[in-house]
Amino acid sequence: MYYNQVPTLTHWRQPAYDLTGTWQGDDGGIYYIRHLNNNRIWWTGLSDNGSGHNWTNVLEGEVTYDPTGAVEVSGILGFSVRLGDLVKTYQSSGFGANILRKIS
């Protein structure tokens, strides 16, 4: 037995996920997400189960694995992947959905 071994420390990083698909928000909205190879992300969110009668939003941003997020023109919106769902972790302005569940 060797008692003088130094433990090896490794940097943990959240695994990369392909977020492309259609997501149902717990706010009644449908979100269409396109996740590009360079970790750029585009999405369109439509209220009322996809009709867009009450609101529509468009997001362009970058997927990062840093929980602090990054400042964009209209604020910060952070999500974490948990058991296949996107769970909101931070917002700097009004965004209704707390959970997005992939439906296709």
PDB file of N, CA and C in Angstrom:
ATOM      1  N   MET A   1       0.832  -1.172   0.000  1.00  0.00           N
ATOM      2  CA  MET A   1       0.000   0.000   0.000  1.00  0.00           C
ATOM      3  C   MET A   1       0.881   1.241   0.000  1.00  0.00           C
ATOM      4  N   TYR A   2       0.429   2.252  -0.716  1.00  0.00           N
ATOM      5  CA  TYR A   2       1.148   3.518  -0.778  1.00  0.00           C
ATOM      6  C   TYR A   2       0.317   4.572  -0.071  1.00  0.00           C
ATOM      7  N   TYR A   3       0.859   5.124   0.982  1.00  0.00           N
ATOM      8  CA  TYR A   3       0.133   6.112   1.775  1.00  0.00           C
ATOM      9  C   TYR A   3       0.452   7.538   1.367  1.00  0.00           C
ATOM     10  N   ASN A   4       1.414   7.741   0.508  1.00  0.00           N
ATOM     11  CA  ASN A   4       1.809   9.090   0.131  1.00  0.00           C
ATOM     12  C   ASN A   4       1.264   9.507  -1.237  1.00  0.00           C
ATOM     13  N   GLN A   5       0.268   8.809  -1.742  1.00  0.00           N
ATOM     14  CA  GLN A   5      -0.297   9.167  -3.031  1.00  0.00           C
ATOM     15  C   GLN A   5      -1.099  10.458  -2.912  1.00  0.00           C
ATOM     16  N   VAL A   6      -0.939  11.313  -3.895  1.00  0.00           N
ATOM     17  CA  VAL A   6      -1.683  12.568  -3.943  1.00  0.00           C
ATOM     18  C   VAL A   6      -2.901  12.349  -4.825  1.00  0.00           C
ATOM     19  N   PRO A   7      -4.094  12.694  -4.328  1.00  0.00           N
ATOM     20  CA  PRO A   7      -5.284  12.494  -5.163  1.00  0.00           C
ATOM     21  C   PRO A   7      -5.244  13.396  -6.391  1.00  0.00           C
ATOM     22  N   THR A   8      -5.752  12.880  -7.479  1.00  0.00           N
ATOM     23  CA  THR A   8      -5.815  13.650  -8.716  1.00  0.00           C
ATOM     24  C   THR A   8      -7.118  14.426  -8.734  1.00  0.00           C
ATOM     25  N   LEU A   9      -7.027  15.734  -8.917  1.00  0.00           N
ATOM     26  CA  LEU A   9      -8.216  16.578  -8.986  1.00  0.00           C
ATOM     27  C   LEU A   9      -8.543  16.831 -10.451  1.00  0.00           C
ATOM     28  N   THR A  10      -9.784  16.698 -10.775  1.00  0.00           N
ATOM     29  CA  THR A  10     -10.219  16.981 -12.142  1.00  0.00           C
ATOM     30  C   THR A  10     -11.279  18.067 -12.098  1.00  0.00           C
ATOM     31  N   HIS A  11     -11.337  18.819 -13.167  1.00  0.00           N
ATOM     32  CA  HIS A  11     -12.331  19.886 -13.280  1.00  0.00           C
ATOM     33  C   HIS A  11     -13.628  19.277 -13.785  1.00  0.00           C
ATOM     34  N   TRP A  12     -14.698  19.423 -13.026  1.00  0.00           N
ATOM     35  CA  TRP A  12     -15.995  18.896 -13.441  1.00  0.00           C
ATOM     36  C   TRP A  12     -16.687  19.903 -14.325  1.00  0.00           C
ATOM     37  N   ARG A  13     -17.257  19.419 -15.394  1.00  0.00           N
ATOM     38  CA  ARG A  13     -18.003  20.273 -16.307  1.00  0.00           C
ATOM     39  C   ARG A  13     -19.300  19.575 -16.660  1.00  0.00           C
ATOM     40  N   GLN A  14     -20.388  20.350 -16.685  1.00  0.00           N
ATOM     41  CA  GLN A  14     -21.681  19.784 -17.048  1.00  0.00           C
ATOM     42  C   GLN A  14     -21.588  19.208 -18.458  1.00  0.00           C
ATOM     43  N   PRO A  15     -22.136  18.019 -18.692  1.00  0.00           N
ATOM     44  CA  PRO A  15     -22.057  17.433 -20.032  1.00  0.00           C
ATOM     45  C   PRO A  15     -22.808  18.293 -21.044  1.00  0.00           C
ATOM     46  N   ALA A  16     -22.340  18.265 -22.283  1.00  0.00           N
ATOM     47  CA  ALA A  16     -22.983  19.023 -23.352  1.00  0.00           C
ATOM     48  C   ALA A  16     -24.263  18.310 -23.779  1.00  0.00           C
ATOM     49  N   TYR A  17     -25.301  19.087 -23.990  1.00  0.00           N
ATOM     50  CA  TYR A  17     -26.582  18.566 -24.446  1.00  0.00           C
ATOM     51  C   TYR A  17     -26.963  19.262 -25.734  1.00  0.00           C
ATOM     52  N   ASP A  18     -27.600  18.543 -26.641  1.00  0.00           N
ATOM     53  CA  ASP A  18     -28.170  19.163 -27.826  1.00  0.00           C
ATOM     54  C   ASP A  18     -29.583  19.585 -27.458  1.00  0.00           C
ATOM     55  N   LEU A  19     -29.814  20.872 -27.396  1.00  0.00           N
ATOM     56  CA  LEU A  19     -31.097  21.409 -26.960  1.00  0.00           C
ATOM     57  C   LEU A  19     -32.075  21.610 -28.110  1.00  0.00           C
ATOM     58  N   THR A  20     -31.673  21.274 -29.352  1.00  0.00           N
ATOM     59  CA  THR A  20     -32.555  21.444 -30.499  1.00  0.00           C
ATOM     60  C   THR A  20     -33.823  20.622 -30.312  1.00  0.00           C
ATOM     61  N   GLY A  21     -34.965  21.260 -30.533  1.00  0.00           N
ATOM     62  CA  GLY A  21     -36.235  20.544 -30.450  1.00  0.00           C
ATOM     63  C   GLY A  21     -37.366  21.481 -30.079  1.00  0.00           C
ATOM     64  N   THR A  22     -38.497  20.878 -29.806  1.00  0.00           N
ATOM     65  CA  THR A  22     -39.697  21.598 -29.396  1.00  0.00           C
ATOM     66  C   THR A  22     -39.914  21.334 -27.919  1.00  0.00           C
ATOM     67  N   TRP A  23     -40.133  22.404 -27.152  1.00  0.00           N
ATOM     68  CA  TRP A  23     -40.247  22.317 -25.707  1.00  0.00           C
ATOM     69  C   TRP A  23     -41.563  22.931 -25.248  1.00  0.00           C
ATOM     70  N   GLN A  24     -42.224  22.319 -24.276  1.00  0.00           N
ATOM     71  CA  GLN A  24     -43.446  22.844 -23.667  1.00  0.00           C
ATOM     72  C   GLN A  24     -43.077  23.501 -22.350  1.00  0.00           C
ATOM     73  N   GLY A  25     -43.447  24.781 -22.192  1.00  0.00           N
ATOM     74  CA  GLY A  25     -43.176  25.490 -20.950  1.00  0.00           C
ATOM     75  C   GLY A  25     -44.313  25.354 -19.962  1.00  0.00           C
ATOM     76  N   ASP A  26     -44.005  25.449 -18.681  1.00  0.00           N
ATOM     77  CA  ASP A  26     -45.062  25.397 -17.671  1.00  0.00           C
ATOM     78  C   ASP A  26     -45.866  26.694 -17.625  1.00  0.00           C
ATOM     79  N   ASP A  27     -45.570  27.610 -18.537  1.00  0.00           N
ATOM     80  CA  ASP A  27     -46.342  28.845 -18.692  1.00  0.00           C
ATOM     81  C   ASP A  27     -47.362  28.731 -19.819  1.00  0.00           C
ATOM     82  N   GLY A  28     -47.518  27.529 -20.401  1.00  0.00           N
ATOM     83  CA  GLY A  28     -48.456  27.310 -21.497  1.00  0.00           C
ATOM     84  C   GLY A  28     -47.872  27.610 -22.863  1.00  0.00           C
ATOM     85  N   GLY A  29     -46.607  27.989 -22.927  1.00  0.00           N
ATOM     86  CA  GLY A  29     -45.978  28.315 -24.198  1.00  0.00           C
ATOM     87  C   GLY A  29     -45.283  27.124 -24.829  1.00  0.00           C
ATOM     88  N   ILE A  30     -45.065  27.243 -26.136  1.00  0.00           N
ATOM     89  CA  ILE A  30     -44.277  26.276 -26.887  1.00  0.00           C
ATOM     90  C   ILE A  30     -43.013  27.007 -27.333  1.00  0.00           C
ATOM     91  N   TYR A  31     -41.866  26.362 -27.152  1.00  0.00           N
ATOM     92  CA  TYR A  31     -40.572  26.948 -27.467  1.00  0.00           C
ATOM     93  C   TYR A  31     -39.871  26.075 -28.505  1.00  0.00           C
ATOM     94  N   TYR A  32     -39.498  26.689 -29.621  1.00  0.00           N
ATOM     95  CA  TYR A  32     -38.761  26.007 -30.676  1.00  0.00           C
ATOM     96  C   TYR A  32     -37.305  26.437 -30.558  1.00  0.00           C
ATOM     97  N   ILE A  33     -36.433  25.464 -30.263  1.00  0.00           N
ATOM     98  CA  ILE A  33     -35.031  25.770 -29.991  1.00  0.00           C
ATOM     99  C   ILE A  33     -34.142  25.142 -31.052  1.00  0.00           C
ATOM    100  N   ARG A  34     -33.176  25.925 -31.523  1.00  0.00           N
ATOM    101  CA  ARG A  34     -32.145  25.446 -32.450  1.00  0.00           C
ATOM    102  C   ARG A  34     -30.799  25.699 -31.804  1.00  0.00           C
ATOM    103  N   HIS A  35     -30.080  24.633 -31.498  1.00  0.00           N
ATOM    104  CA  HIS A  35     -28.777  24.681 -30.830  1.00  0.00           C
ATOM    105  C   HIS A  35     -27.719  24.366 -31.885  1.00  0.00           C
ATOM    106  N   LEU A  36     -26.892  25.351 -32.216  1.00  0.00           N
ATOM    107  CA  LEU A  36     -25.887  25.189 -33.261  1.00  0.00           C
ATOM    108  C   LEU A  36     -24.594  24.596 -32.702  1.00  0.00           C
ATOM    109  N   ASN A  37     -23.733  24.096 -33.591  1.00  0.00           N
ATOM    110  CA  ASN A  37     -22.485  23.451 -33.181  1.00  0.00           C
ATOM    111  C   ASN A  37     -21.544  24.366 -32.422  1.00  0.00           C
ATOM    112  N   ASN A  38     -21.606  25.677 -32.636  1.00  0.00           N
ATOM    113  CA  ASN A  38     -20.713  26.604 -31.951  1.00  0.00           C
ATOM    114  C   ASN A  38     -21.303  27.085 -30.625  1.00  0.00           C
ATOM    115  N   ASN A  39     -22.308  26.381 -30.115  1.00  0.00           N
ATOM    116  CA  ASN A  39     -23.013  26.670 -28.861  1.00  0.00           C
ATOM    117  C   ASN A  39     -23.828  27.951 -28.910  1.00  0.00           C
ATOM    118  N   ARG A  40     -24.099  28.457 -30.111  1.00  0.00           N
ATOM    119  CA  ARG A  40     -25.072  29.533 -30.255  1.00  0.00           C
ATOM    120  C   ARG A  40     -26.445  28.894 -30.192  1.00  0.00           C
ATOM    121  N   ILE A  41     -27.412  29.641 -29.696  1.00  0.00           N
ATOM    122  CA  ILE A  41     -28.763  29.122 -29.568  1.00  0.00           C
ATOM    123  C   ILE A  41     -29.751  30.171 -30.050  1.00  0.00           C
ATOM    124  N   TRP A  42     -30.763  29.708 -30.748  1.00  0.00           N
ATOM    125  CA  TRP A  42     -31.873  30.540 -31.200  1.00  0.00           C
ATOM    126  C   TRP A  42     -33.150  29.878 -30.711  1.00  0.00           C
ATOM    127  N   TRP A  43     -34.097  30.699 -30.265  1.00  0.00           N
ATOM    128  CA  TRP A  43     -35.386  30.118 -29.948  1.00  0.00           C
ATOM    129  C   TRP A  43     -36.494  31.111 -30.204  1.00  0.00           C
ATOM    130  N   THR A  44     -37.663  30.567 -30.486  1.00  0.00           N
ATOM    131  CA  THR A  44     -38.894  31.335 -30.590  1.00  0.00           C
ATOM    132  C   THR A  44     -39.869  30.715 -29.613  1.00  0.00           C
ATOM    133  N   GLY A  45     -40.463  31.541 -28.769  1.00  0.00           N
ATOM    134  CA  GLY A  45     -41.469  31.085 -27.815  1.00  0.00           C
ATOM    135  C   GLY A  45     -42.810  31.703 -28.168  1.00  0.00           C
ATOM    136  N   LEU A  46     -43.853  30.888 -28.174  1.00  0.00           N
ATOM    137  CA  LEU A  46     -45.198  31.333 -28.531  1.00  0.00           C
ATOM    138  C   LEU A  46     -46.175  30.950 -27.418  1.00  0.00           C
ATOM    139  N   SER A  47     -46.963  31.914 -26.968  1.00  0.00           N
ATOM    140  CA  SER A  47     -47.932  31.658 -25.892  1.00  0.00           C
ATOM    141  C   SER A  47     -49.072  30.761 -26.363  1.00  0.00           C
ATOM    142  N   ASP A  48     -49.938  30.430 -25.425  1.00  0.00           N
ATOM    143  CA  ASP A  48     -51.199  29.724 -25.711  1.00  0.00           C
ATOM    144  C   ASP A  48     -50.988  28.446 -26.515  1.00  0.00           C
ATOM    145  N   ASN A  49     -50.078  27.622 -26.027  1.00  0.00           N
ATOM    146  CA  ASN A  49     -49.777  26.327 -26.639  1.00  0.00           C
ATOM    147  C   ASN A  49     -49.331  26.453 -28.093  1.00  0.00           C
ATOM    148  N   GLY A  50     -48.643  27.558 -28.391  1.00  0.00           N
ATOM    149  CA  GLY A  50     -48.052  27.732 -29.706  1.00  0.00           C
ATOM    150  C   GLY A  50     -48.778  28.690 -30.629  1.00  0.00           C
ATOM    151  N   SER A  51     -49.909  29.277 -30.212  1.00  0.00           N
ATOM    152  CA  SER A  51     -50.630  30.204 -31.095  1.00  0.00           C
ATOM    153  C   SER A  51     -49.994  31.588 -31.115  1.00  0.00           C
ATOM    154  N   GLY A  52     -49.357  31.995 -30.013  1.00  0.00           N
ATOM    155  CA  GLY A  52     -48.720  33.302 -29.937  1.00  0.00           C
ATOM    156  C   GLY A  52     -49.684  34.469 -29.777  1.00  0.00           C
ATOM    157  N   HIS A  53     -50.931  34.214 -29.393  1.00  0.00           N
ATOM    158  CA  HIS A  53     -51.925  35.289 -29.266  1.00  0.00           C
ATOM    159  C   HIS A  53     -51.598  36.294 -28.163  1.00  0.00           C
ATOM    160  N   ASN A  54     -50.996  35.877 -27.068  1.00  0.00           N
ATOM    161  CA  ASN A  54     -50.707  36.787 -25.954  1.00  0.00           C
ATOM    162  C   ASN A  54     -49.269  37.287 -25.927  1.00  0.00           C
ATOM    163  N   TRP A  55     -48.334  36.474 -26.340  1.00  0.00           N
ATOM    164  CA  TRP A  55     -46.939  36.900 -26.384  1.00  0.00           C
ATOM    165  C   TRP A  55     -46.141  36.000 -27.311  1.00  0.00           C
ATOM    166  N   THR A  56     -45.071  36.552 -27.800  1.00  0.00           N
ATOM    167  CA  THR A  56     -44.084  35.838 -28.604  1.00  0.00           C
ATOM    168  C   THR A  56     -42.724  36.375 -28.195  1.00  0.00           C
ATOM    169  N   ASN A  57     -41.755  35.500 -28.017  1.00  0.00           N
ATOM    170  CA  ASN A  57     -40.409  35.985 -27.729  1.00  0.00           C
ATOM    171  C   ASN A  57     -39.403  35.274 -28.612  1.00  0.00           C
ATOM    172  N   VAL A  58     -38.328  35.980 -28.888  1.00  0.00           N
ATOM    173  CA  VAL A  58     -37.230  35.452 -29.687  1.00  0.00           C
ATOM    174  C   VAL A  58     -35.965  35.644 -28.877  1.00  0.00           C
ATOM    175  N   LEU A  59     -35.156  34.617 -28.802  1.00  0.00           N
ATOM    176  CA  LEU A  59     -33.912  34.680 -28.054  1.00  0.00           C
ATOM    177  C   LEU A  59     -32.781  34.236 -28.951  1.00  0.00           C
ATOM    178  N   GLU A  60     -31.691  34.953 -28.898  1.00  0.00           N
ATOM    179  CA  GLU A  60     -30.444  34.556 -29.534  1.00  0.00           C
ATOM    180  C   GLU A  60     -29.381  34.686 -28.465  1.00  0.00           C
ATOM    181  N   GLY A  61     -28.629  33.650 -28.240  1.00  0.00           N
ATOM    182  CA  GLY A  61     -27.629  33.705 -27.189  1.00  0.00           C
ATOM    183  C   GLY A  61     -26.604  32.608 -27.321  1.00  0.00           C
ATOM    184  N   GLU A  62     -25.927  32.341 -26.224  1.00  0.00           N
ATOM    185  CA  GLU A  62     -24.862  31.350 -26.185  1.00  0.00           C
ATOM    186  C   GLU A  62     -25.099  30.407 -25.018  1.00  0.00           C
ATOM    187  N   VAL A  63     -24.951  29.125 -25.280  1.00  0.00           N
ATOM    188  CA  VAL A  63     -25.041  28.121 -24.230  1.00  0.00           C
ATOM    189  C   VAL A  63     -23.683  28.074 -23.539  1.00  0.00           C
ATOM    190  N   THR A  64     -23.674  28.271 -22.233  1.00  0.00           N
ATOM    191  CA  THR A  64     -22.449  28.150 -21.461  1.00  0.00           C
ATOM    192  C   THR A  64     -22.700  27.162 -20.333  1.00  0.00           C
ATOM    193  N   TYR A  65     -21.653  26.667 -19.753  1.00  0.00           N
ATOM    194  CA  TYR A  65     -21.768  25.732 -18.652  1.00  0.00           C
ATOM    195  C   TYR A  65     -21.301  26.375 -17.366  1.00  0.00           C
ATOM    196  N   ASP A  66     -21.369  27.684 -17.331  1.00  0.00           N
ATOM    197  CA  ASP A  66     -21.001  28.487 -16.171  1.00  0.00           C
ATOM    198  C   ASP A  66     -22.290  29.000 -15.543  1.00  0.00           C
ATOM    199  N   PRO A  67     -22.566  28.668 -14.289  1.00  0.00           N
ATOM    200  CA  PRO A  67     -23.850  29.067 -13.682  1.00  0.00           C
ATOM    201  C   PRO A  67     -24.030  30.562 -13.501  1.00  0.00           C
ATOM    202  N   THR A  68     -22.994  31.360 -13.748  1.00  0.00           N
ATOM    203  CA  THR A  68     -23.156  32.799 -13.580  1.00  0.00           C
ATOM    204  C   THR A  68     -23.802  33.458 -14.783  1.00  0.00           C
ATOM    205  N   GLY A  69     -23.836  32.805 -15.928  1.00  0.00           N
ATOM    206  CA  GLY A  69     -24.495  33.364 -17.097  1.00  0.00           C
ATOM    207  C   GLY A  69     -23.676  34.469 -17.755  1.00  0.00           C
ATOM    208  N   ALA A  70     -24.300  35.143 -18.694  1.00  0.00           N
ATOM    209  CA  ALA A  70     -23.638  36.235 -19.408  1.00  0.00           C
ATOM    210  C   ALA A  70     -24.660  37.320 -19.701  1.00  0.00           C
ATOM    211  N   VAL A  71     -24.237  38.548 -19.672  1.00  0.00           N
ATOM    212  CA  VAL A  71     -25.139  39.665 -19.898  1.00  0.00           C
ATOM    213  C   VAL A  71     -25.400  39.808 -21.391  1.00  0.00           C
ATOM    214  N   GLU A  72     -26.654  39.957 -21.757  1.00  0.00           N
ATOM    215  CA  GLU A  72     -27.053  40.222 -23.132  1.00  0.00           C
ATOM    216  C   GLU A  72     -27.814  41.543 -23.148  1.00  0.00           C
ATOM    217  N   VAL A  73     -28.290  41.955 -24.285  1.00  0.00           N
ATOM    218  CA  VAL A  73     -28.934  43.251 -24.440  1.00  0.00           C
ATOM    219  C   VAL A  73     -30.121  43.419 -23.514  1.00  0.00           C
ATOM    220  N   SER A  74     -30.964  42.404 -23.383  1.00  0.00           N
ATOM    221  CA  SER A  74     -32.178  42.568 -22.589  1.00  0.00           C
ATOM    222  C   SER A  74     -32.145  41.847 -21.251  1.00  0.00           C
ATOM    223  N   GLY A  75     -31.015  41.365 -20.837  1.00  0.00           N
ATOM    224  CA  GLY A  75     -30.924  40.761 -19.521  1.00  0.00           C
ATOM    225  C   GLY A  75     -30.298  39.390 -19.523  1.00  0.00           C
ATOM    226  N   ILE A  76     -30.441  38.731 -18.400  1.00  0.00           N
ATOM    227  CA  ILE A  76     -29.853  37.412 -18.187  1.00  0.00           C
ATOM    228  C   ILE A  76     -30.979  36.417 -17.954  1.00  0.00           C
ATOM    229  N   LEU A  77     -30.875  35.278 -18.606  1.00  0.00           N
ATOM    230  CA  LEU A  77     -31.817  34.187 -18.416  1.00  0.00           C
ATOM    231  C   LEU A  77     -30.998  32.917 -18.325  1.00  0.00           C
ATOM    232  N   GLY A  78     -31.074  32.238 -17.196  1.00  0.00           N
ATOM    233  CA  GLY A  78     -30.280  31.036 -16.989  1.00  0.00           C
ATOM    234  C   GLY A  78     -31.139  29.805 -16.817  1.00  0.00           C
ATOM    235  N   PHE A  79     -30.729  28.696 -17.425  1.00  0.00           N
ATOM    236  CA  PHE A  79     -31.386  27.401 -17.278  1.00  0.00           C
ATOM    237  C   PHE A  79     -30.335  26.356 -16.955  1.00  0.00           C
ATOM    238  N   SER A  80     -30.762  25.315 -16.280  1.00  0.00           N
ATOM    239  CA  SER A  80     -29.930  24.158 -16.002  1.00  0.00           C
ATOM    240  C   SER A  80     -30.658  22.928 -16.534  1.00  0.00           C
ATOM    241  N   VAL A  81     -29.922  21.974 -17.088  1.00  0.00           N
ATOM    242  CA  VAL A  81     -30.530  20.724 -17.537  1.00  0.00           C
ATOM    243  C   VAL A  81     -30.637  19.805 -16.332  1.00  0.00           C
ATOM    244  N   ARG A  82     -31.877  19.423 -16.008  1.00  0.00           N
ATOM    245  CA  ARG A  82     -32.113  18.525 -14.873  1.00  0.00           C
ATOM    246  C   ARG A  82     -33.080  17.430 -15.294  1.00  0.00           C
ATOM    247  N   LEU A  83     -32.608  16.215 -15.315  1.00  0.00           N
ATOM    248  CA  LEU A  83     -33.406  15.057 -15.708  1.00  0.00           C
ATOM    249  C   LEU A  83     -34.076  15.263 -17.058  1.00  0.00           C
ATOM    250  N   GLY A  84     -33.352  15.898 -17.984  1.00  0.00           N
ATOM    251  CA  GLY A  84     -33.855  16.102 -19.327  1.00  0.00           C
ATOM    252  C   GLY A  84     -34.699  17.356 -19.511  1.00  0.00           C
ATOM    253  N   ASP A  85     -35.052  18.031 -18.433  1.00  0.00           N
ATOM    254  CA  ASP A  85     -35.820  19.269 -18.513  1.00  0.00           C
ATOM    255  C   ASP A  85     -34.885  20.466 -18.411  1.00  0.00           C
ATOM    256  N   LEU A  86     -35.327  21.606 -18.934  1.00  0.00           N
ATOM    257  CA  LEU A  86     -34.630  22.871 -18.709  1.00  0.00           C
ATOM    258  C   LEU A  86     -35.324  23.556 -17.543  1.00  0.00           C
ATOM    259  N   VAL A  87     -34.593  23.799 -16.474  1.00  0.00           N
ATOM    260  CA  VAL A  87     -35.142  24.401 -15.263  1.00  0.00           C
ATOM    261  C   VAL A  87     -34.512  25.783 -15.097  1.00  0.00           C
ATOM    262  N   LYS A  88     -35.373  26.816 -15.001  1.00  0.00           N
ATOM    263  CA  LYS A  88     -34.863  28.181 -14.874  1.00  0.00           C
ATOM    264  C   LYS A  88     -34.127  28.327 -13.558  1.00  0.00           C
ATOM    265  N   THR A  89     -32.921  28.888 -13.642  1.00  0.00           N
ATOM    266  CA  THR A  89     -32.101  29.102 -12.451  1.00  0.00           C
ATOM    267  C   THR A  89     -31.920  30.572 -12.132  1.00  0.00           C
ATOM    268  N   TYR A  90     -32.133  31.440 -13.143  1.00  0.00           N
ATOM    269  CA  TYR A  90     -31.959  32.869 -12.905  1.00  0.00           C
ATOM    270  C   TYR A  90     -32.641  33.657 -14.008  1.00  0.00           C
ATOM    271  N   GLN A  91     -33.173  34.816 -13.640  1.00  0.00           N
ATOM    272  CA  GLN A  91     -33.680  35.764 -14.628  1.00  0.00           C
ATOM    273  C   GLN A  91     -33.489  37.167 -14.096  1.00  0.00           C
ATOM    274  N   SER A  92     -33.154  38.090 -14.985  1.00  0.00           N
ATOM    275  CA  SER A  92     -32.994  39.478 -14.566  1.00  0.00           C
ATOM    276  C   SER A  92     -34.194  40.326 -14.949  1.00  0.00           C
ATOM    277  N   SER A  93     -35.089  39.767 -15.737  1.00  0.00           N
ATOM    278  CA  SER A  93     -36.326  40.460 -16.089  1.00  0.00           C
ATOM    279  C   SER A  93     -37.419  39.416 -16.242  1.00  0.00           C
ATOM    280  N   GLY A  94     -38.626  39.858 -16.496  1.00  0.00           N
ATOM    281  CA  GLY A  94     -39.771  38.951 -16.518  1.00  0.00           C
ATOM    282  C   GLY A  94     -39.694  37.875 -17.584  1.00  0.00           C
ATOM    283  N   PHE A  95     -39.746  36.641 -17.168  1.00  0.00           N
ATOM    284  CA  PHE A  95     -39.846  35.489 -18.057  1.00  0.00           C
ATOM    285  C   PHE A  95     -40.699  34.471 -17.327  1.00  0.00           C
ATOM    286  N   GLY A  96     -41.837  34.091 -17.885  1.00  0.00           N
ATOM    287  CA  GLY A  96     -42.846  33.323 -17.169  1.00  0.00           C
ATOM    288  C   GLY A  96     -42.534  31.870 -16.879  1.00  0.00           C
ATOM    289  N   ALA A  97     -41.896  31.172 -17.791  1.00  0.00           N
ATOM    290  CA  ALA A  97     -41.701  29.734 -17.612  1.00  0.00           C
ATOM    291  C   ALA A  97     -40.615  29.441 -16.593  1.00  0.00           C
ATOM    292  N   ASN A  98     -40.849  28.435 -15.771  1.00  0.00           N
ATOM    293  CA  ASN A  98     -39.846  27.943 -14.829  1.00  0.00           C
ATOM    294  C   ASN A  98     -39.235  26.633 -15.294  1.00  0.00           C
ATOM    295  N   ILE A  99     -40.006  25.856 -16.062  1.00  0.00           N
ATOM    296  CA  ILE A  99     -39.551  24.556 -16.556  1.00  0.00           C
ATOM    297  C   ILE A  99     -39.948  24.419 -18.018  1.00  0.00           C
ATOM    298  N   LEU A 100     -39.018  23.962 -18.843  1.00  0.00           N
ATOM    299  CA  LEU A 100     -39.307  23.607 -20.224  1.00  0.00           C
ATOM    300  C   LEU A 100     -39.074  22.113 -20.364  1.00  0.00           C
ATOM    301  N   ARG A 101     -40.065  21.414 -20.901  1.00  0.00           N
ATOM    302  CA  ARG A 101     -40.001  19.956 -21.068  1.00  0.00           C
ATOM    303  C   ARG A 101     -39.989  19.637 -22.561  1.00  0.00           C
ATOM    304  N   LYS A 102     -38.994  18.882 -23.009  1.00  0.00           N
ATOM    305  CA  LYS A 102     -38.864  18.567 -24.438  1.00  0.00           C
ATOM    306  C   LYS A 102     -39.993  17.650 -24.873  1.00  0.00           C
ATOM    307  N   ILE A 103     -40.685  18.050 -25.967  1.00  0.00           N
ATOM    308  CA  ILE A 103     -41.791  17.239 -26.463  1.00  0.00           C
ATOM    309  C   ILE A 103     -41.507  16.645 -27.843  1.00  0.00           C
ATOM    310  N   SER A 104     -40.470  17.107 -28.514  1.00  0.00           N
ATOM    311  CA  SER A 104     -40.049  16.469 -29.778  1.00  0.00           C
ATOM    312  C   SER A 104     -38.664  16.957 -30.161  1.00  0.00           C
TER     313      SER A 104
END
